[in-house]
Amino acid sequence: MLFLVAALLLLGVMLGTVAHAPLSFTLVAAAVIGVWLAVFAVRERHGRRRETSN
């Protein structure tokens, strides 16, 4: 339960920060985070396939 409260508090802080940032900066930051998450997902999937094939 404490983790949920902390996550919601962090989300509120981040959304508050984004509300004051220019739209162009917000879109660039969102794109960078999205690419980072996509790369992470591909690396995780590729790593798990390699482990199961051995």
Protein backbone atom coordinates (compact mmCIF):
# COMPACT_ATOMS: atom_id res chain seq x y z
CA MET A 1 0.00 0.00 0.00
CA LEU A 2 2.85 2.36 0.79
CA PHE A 3 4.35 1.68 -2.64
CA LEU A 4 1.05 2.69 -4.28
CA VAL A 5 0.93 5.93 -2.32
CA ALA A 6 4.52 6.75 -3.25
CA ALA A 7 3.86 5.97 -6.93
CA LEU A 8 0.78 8.21 -6.99
CA LEU A 9 2.70 11.00 -5.27
CA LEU A 10 5.50 10.74 -7.82
CA LEU A 11 2.96 10.72 -10.67
CA GLY A 12 1.37 13.88 -9.29
CA VAL A 13 4.73 15.63 -9.06
CA MET A 14 5.65 14.63 -12.61
CA LEU A 15 2.31 15.71 -14.05
CA GLY A 16 2.62 19.02 -12.23
CA THR A 17 6.06 19.51 -13.75
CA VAL A 18 4.85 18.66 -17.24
CA ALA A 19 1.98 21.11 -16.93
CA HIS A 20 4.48 23.95 -16.56
CA ALA A 21 6.88 22.78 -19.28
CA PRO A 22 6.53 23.90 -22.90
CA LEU A 23 4.66 21.49 -25.17
CA SER A 24 7.67 20.92 -27.44
CA PHE A 25 9.84 19.91 -24.47
CA THR A 26 7.13 17.57 -23.19
CA LEU A 27 6.80 15.85 -26.57
CA VAL A 28 10.56 15.43 -26.95
CA ALA A 29 10.86 14.03 -23.42
CA ALA A 30 7.96 11.64 -24.07
CA ALA A 31 9.58 10.44 -27.30
CA VAL A 32 12.93 9.85 -25.57
CA ILE A 33 11.26 7.88 -22.78
CA GLY A 34 9.25 5.87 -25.30
CA VAL A 35 12.36 4.95 -27.30
CA TRP A 36 14.18 3.99 -24.10
CA LEU A 37 11.30 1.73 -23.04
CA ALA A 38 11.15 0.13 -26.49
CA VAL A 39 14.89 -0.60 -26.46
CA PHE A 40 14.60 -2.03 -22.96
CA ALA A 41 11.69 -4.28 -24.00
CA VAL A 42 13.56 -5.58 -27.07
CA ARG A 43 16.70 -6.30 -25.02
CA GLU A 44 14.69 -8.10 -22.34
CA ARG A 45 12.83 -10.22 -24.89
CA HIS A 46 16.04 -11.06 -26.75
CA GLY A 47 17.85 -11.92 -23.50
CA ARG A 48 15.09 -14.24 -22.31
CA ARG A 49 15.01 -16.07 -25.64
CA ARG A 50 18.74 -16.64 -25.43
CA GLU A 51 18.45 -18.06 -21.85
CA THR A 52 15.69 -20.52 -22.74
CA SER A 53 17.48 -21.87 -25.82
CA ASN A 54 20.57 -22.97 -23.83
